Amino acid sequence: MAVRTERHENAAARYFEAWNATGPEAVAKAVAAAWAPDGGYTDPLADVRGHEQIAAVITAAHEQFPGFVFRPLGAVDGHHDTARFGWELVNEADGSAPVAGFDVITLDAEGRIQQVLGFLDRVPADA
């Protein structure tokens, strides 16, 4: 049985704010708000820990996909210190979404992300 709580939804909202932040200062601030200081991010293309490395992964995604934003797909589903949600990377100019995935996050006692395990469900052939 899935339970949606404000804690899980707030964590996911801060996660998307971090992924959609632009500029080094905004990304650093958003990552610090979303992740615990020793938090991690792991997906098929990255396995990093700490705010600086997470910010670098986000910056690299923006460089690879300029003009795109990350948007949630469906509701956040969570229980205990764990939540899951789908997302897609959307081109703001034409609405296309060449990349989509599914992330599982674990939270610390303050509701910040301790770990992200990301899965890529749809990627462009040339990525």
C-alpha atoms as a PDB file:
ATOM      1  CA  MET A   1       0.000   0.000   0.000  1.00  0.00           C
ATOM      2  CA  ALA A   2       1.387   3.379  -1.009  1.00  0.00           C
ATOM      3  CA  VAL A   3       1.331   6.312   1.341  1.00  0.00           C
ATOM      4  CA  ARG A   4       1.793   9.875   0.129  1.00  0.00           C
ATOM      5  CA  THR A   5       3.005  12.245   2.763  1.00  0.00           C
ATOM      6  CA  GLU A   6       3.944  15.885   2.784  1.00  0.00           C
ATOM      7  CA  ARG A   7       7.466  14.860   3.821  1.00  0.00           C
ATOM      8  CA  HIS A   8       7.956  12.744   0.697  1.00  0.00           C
ATOM      9  CA  GLU A   9       6.311  15.294  -1.587  1.00  0.00           C
ATOM     10  CA  ASN A  10       8.434  18.135  -0.167  1.00  0.00           C
ATOM     11  CA  ALA A  11      11.615  16.120  -0.685  1.00  0.00           C
ATOM     12  CA  ALA A  12      10.649  15.391  -4.290  1.00  0.00           C
ATOM     13  CA  ALA A  13       9.789  19.064  -4.882  1.00  0.00           C
ATOM     14  CA  ARG A  14      13.228  20.142  -3.598  1.00  0.00           C
ATOM     15  CA  TYR A  15      14.788  17.439  -5.804  1.00  0.00           C
ATOM     16  CA  PHE A  16      13.128  18.880  -8.911  1.00  0.00           C
ATOM     17  CA  GLU A  17      14.090  22.415  -7.845  1.00  0.00           C
ATOM     18  CA  ALA A  18      17.722  21.279  -7.742  1.00  0.00           C
ATOM     19  CA  TRP A  19      17.542  19.620 -11.151  1.00  0.00           C
ATOM     20  CA  ASN A  20      15.871  22.687 -12.679  1.00  0.00           C
ATOM     21  CA  ALA A  21      18.131  25.309 -11.090  1.00  0.00           C
ATOM     22  CA  THR A  22      20.337  27.237 -13.481  1.00  0.00           C
ATOM     23  CA  GLY A  23      23.679  28.835 -12.788  1.00  0.00           C
ATOM     24  CA  PRO A  24      26.332  27.599 -10.372  1.00  0.00           C
ATOM     25  CA  GLU A  25      25.084  29.507  -7.306  1.00  0.00           C
ATOM     26  CA  ALA A  26      21.439  28.506  -7.788  1.00  0.00           C
ATOM     27  CA  VAL A  27      22.374  24.854  -8.347  1.00  0.00           C
ATOM     28  CA  ALA A  28      24.626  24.816  -5.259  1.00  0.00           C
ATOM     29  CA  LYS A  29      21.906  26.404  -3.095  1.00  0.00           C
ATOM     30  CA  ALA A  30      19.192  24.036  -4.363  1.00  0.00           C
ATOM     31  CA  VAL A  31      21.394  20.949  -3.924  1.00  0.00           C
ATOM     32  CA  ALA A  32      22.205  22.010  -0.340  1.00  0.00           C
ATOM     33  CA  ALA A  33      18.475  22.423   0.371  1.00  0.00           C
ATOM     34  CA  ALA A  34      17.566  19.038  -1.117  1.00  0.00           C
ATOM     35  CA  TRP A  35      20.428  16.719  -0.079  1.00  0.00           C
ATOM     36  CA  ALA A  36      22.061  15.872   3.217  1.00  0.00           C
ATOM     37  CA  PRO A  37      25.731  16.988   3.217  1.00  0.00           C
ATOM     38  CA  ASP A  38      26.949  13.411   2.645  1.00  0.00           C
ATOM     39  CA  GLY A  39      24.046  12.546   0.334  1.00  0.00           C
ATOM     40  CA  GLY A  40      24.538  10.563  -2.819  1.00  0.00           C
ATOM     41  CA  TYR A  41      23.206  10.200  -6.339  1.00  0.00           C
ATOM     42  CA  THR A  42      23.507   7.005  -8.377  1.00  0.00           C
ATOM     43  CA  ASP A  43      22.103   6.258 -11.825  1.00  0.00           C
ATOM     44  CA  PRO A  44      23.441   4.292 -14.828  1.00  0.00           C
ATOM     45  CA  LEU A  45      25.676   7.249 -15.789  1.00  0.00           C
ATOM     46  CA  ALA A  46      26.841   8.582 -12.407  1.00  0.00           C
ATOM     47  CA  ASP A  47      27.705   7.503  -8.879  1.00  0.00           C
ATOM     48  CA  VAL A  48      28.582  10.550  -6.789  1.00  0.00           C
ATOM     49  CA  ARG A  49      28.476  11.721  -3.186  1.00  0.00           C
ATOM     50  CA  GLY A  50      28.401  15.188  -1.633  1.00  0.00           C
ATOM     51  CA  HIS A  51      26.910  18.483  -2.725  1.00  0.00           C
ATOM     52  CA  GLU A  52      29.741  19.483  -5.070  1.00  0.00           C
ATOM     53  CA  GLN A  53      29.664  16.238  -7.068  1.00  0.00           C
ATOM     54  CA  ILE A  54      25.847  16.192  -7.229  1.00  0.00           C
ATOM     55  CA  ALA A  55      25.867  19.790  -8.500  1.00  0.00           C
ATOM     56  CA  ALA A  56      28.391  18.766 -11.167  1.00  0.00           C
ATOM     57  CA  VAL A  57      26.078  15.971 -12.409  1.00  0.00           C
ATOM     58  CA  ILE A  58      23.157  18.418 -12.615  1.00  0.00           C
ATOM     59  CA  THR A  59      25.287  20.980 -14.461  1.00  0.00           C
ATOM     60  CA  ALA A  60      26.443  18.326 -16.934  1.00  0.00           C
ATOM     61  CA  ALA A  61      22.821  17.354 -17.645  1.00  0.00           C
ATOM     62  CA  HIS A  62      21.970  20.991 -18.402  1.00  0.00           C
ATOM     63  CA  GLU A  63      24.975  21.240 -20.721  1.00  0.00           C
ATOM     64  CA  GLN A  64      23.921  18.081 -22.564  1.00  0.00           C
ATOM     65  CA  PHE A  65      20.250  19.151 -22.770  1.00  0.00           C
ATOM     66  CA  PRO A  66      20.068  22.970 -22.914  1.00  0.00           C
ATOM     67  CA  GLY A  67      16.531  24.340 -22.811  1.00  0.00           C
ATOM     68  CA  PHE A  68      15.132  21.268 -21.062  1.00  0.00           C
ATOM     69  CA  VAL A  69      13.450  20.963 -17.661  1.00  0.00           C
ATOM     70  CA  PHE A  70      12.813  17.989 -15.404  1.00  0.00           C
ATOM     71  CA  ARG A  71       9.141  17.380 -14.658  1.00  0.00           C
ATOM     72  CA  PRO A  72       7.480  14.820 -12.402  1.00  0.00           C
ATOM     73  CA  LEU A  73       5.490  12.013 -13.999  1.00  0.00           C
ATOM     74  CA  GLY A  74       2.654  10.993 -11.731  1.00  0.00           C
ATOM     75  CA  ALA A  75       2.467  11.200  -7.968  1.00  0.00           C
ATOM     76  CA  VAL A  76       5.160  10.740  -5.359  1.00  0.00           C
ATOM     77  CA  ASP A  77       4.746   7.400  -3.597  1.00  0.00           C
ATOM     78  CA  GLY A  78       6.410   6.922  -0.231  1.00  0.00           C
ATOM     79  CA  HIS A  79       6.637   5.138   3.077  1.00  0.00           C
ATOM     80  CA  HIS A  80       8.993   5.435   6.041  1.00  0.00           C
ATOM     81  CA  ASP A  81      12.169   7.169   4.812  1.00  0.00           C
ATOM     82  CA  THR A  82      11.735   6.109   1.179  1.00  0.00           C
ATOM     83  CA  ALA A  83       9.905   7.622  -1.788  1.00  0.00           C
ATOM     84  CA  ARG A  84       9.687   6.912  -5.487  1.00  0.00           C
ATOM     85  CA  PHE A  85       8.551   8.958  -8.460  1.00  0.00           C
ATOM     86  CA  GLY A  86       8.773   9.109 -12.220  1.00  0.00           C
ATOM     87  CA  TRP A  87      10.118  12.042 -14.203  1.00  0.00           C
ATOM     88  CA  GLU A  88      10.789  13.191 -17.732  1.00  0.00           C
ATOM     89  CA  LEU A  89      13.177  15.661 -19.307  1.00  0.00           C
ATOM     90  CA  VAL A  90      11.064  18.041 -21.388  1.00  0.00           C
ATOM     91  CA  ASN A  91      12.165  20.395 -24.164  1.00  0.00           C
ATOM     92  CA  GLU A  92      10.574  23.727 -23.274  1.00  0.00           C
ATOM     93  CA  ALA A  93      10.511  24.788 -26.941  1.00  0.00           C
ATOM     94  CA  ASP A  94       8.544  21.878 -28.445  1.00  0.00           C
ATOM     95  CA  GLY A  95       7.334  19.799 -25.481  1.00  0.00           C
ATOM     96  CA  SER A  96       9.199  16.670 -26.534  1.00  0.00           C
ATOM     97  CA  ALA A  97      10.526  14.454 -23.744  1.00  0.00           C
ATOM     98  CA  PRO A  98      13.403  12.323 -25.046  1.00  0.00           C
ATOM     99  CA  VAL A  99      14.513  11.175 -21.574  1.00  0.00           C
ATOM    100  CA  ALA A 100      12.390   9.676 -18.795  1.00  0.00           C
ATOM    101  CA  GLY A 101      13.147   7.750 -15.673  1.00  0.00           C
ATOM    102  CA  PHE A 102      12.181   6.631 -12.226  1.00  0.00           C
ATOM    103  CA  ASP A 103      13.965   7.521  -8.991  1.00  0.00           C
ATOM    104  CA  VAL A 104      13.921   6.048  -5.498  1.00  0.00           C
ATOM    105  CA  ILE A 105      15.090   8.354  -2.720  1.00  0.00           C
ATOM    106  CA  THR A 106      15.863   7.760   0.933  1.00  0.00           C
ATOM    107  CA  LEU A 107      15.543  10.608   3.413  1.00  0.00           C
ATOM    108  CA  ASP A 108      17.397  11.514   6.576  1.00  0.00           C
ATOM    109  CA  ALA A 109      15.703  12.538   9.830  1.00  0.00           C
ATOM    110  CA  GLU A 110      15.401  16.155   8.593  1.00  0.00           C
ATOM    111  CA  GLY A 111      13.703  15.083   5.363  1.00  0.00           C
ATOM    112  CA  ARG A 112      16.720  15.768   3.161  1.00  0.00           C
ATOM    113  CA  ILE A 113      17.827  13.256   0.565  1.00  0.00           C
ATOM    114  CA  GLN A 114      20.384  10.769   1.792  1.00  0.00           C
ATOM    115  CA  GLN A 115      20.518   8.721  -1.416  1.00  0.00           C
ATOM    116  CA  VAL A 116      18.997   8.694  -4.901  1.00  0.00           C
ATOM    117  CA  LEU A 117      18.862   5.530  -6.982  1.00  0.00           C
ATOM    118  CA  GLY A 118      17.908   6.574 -10.490  1.00  0.00           C
ATOM    119  CA  PHE A 119      16.751   4.446 -13.398  1.00  0.00           C
ATOM    120  CA  LEU A 120      16.584   5.570 -17.035  1.00  0.00           C
ATOM    121  CA  ASP A 121      13.505   4.261 -18.827  1.00  0.00           C
ATOM    122  CA  ARG A 122      13.844   6.253 -22.064  1.00  0.00           C
ATOM    123  CA  VAL A 123      16.997   7.754 -23.548  1.00  0.00           C
ATOM    124  CA  PRO A 124      17.790   9.103 -27.024  1.00  0.00           C
ATOM    125  CA  ALA A 125      19.844   6.827 -29.246  1.00  0.00           C
ATOM    126  CA  ASP A 126      22.697   9.369 -29.432  1.00  0.00           C
ATOM    127  CA  ALA A 127      22.919  10.107 -25.679  1.00  0.00           C
END
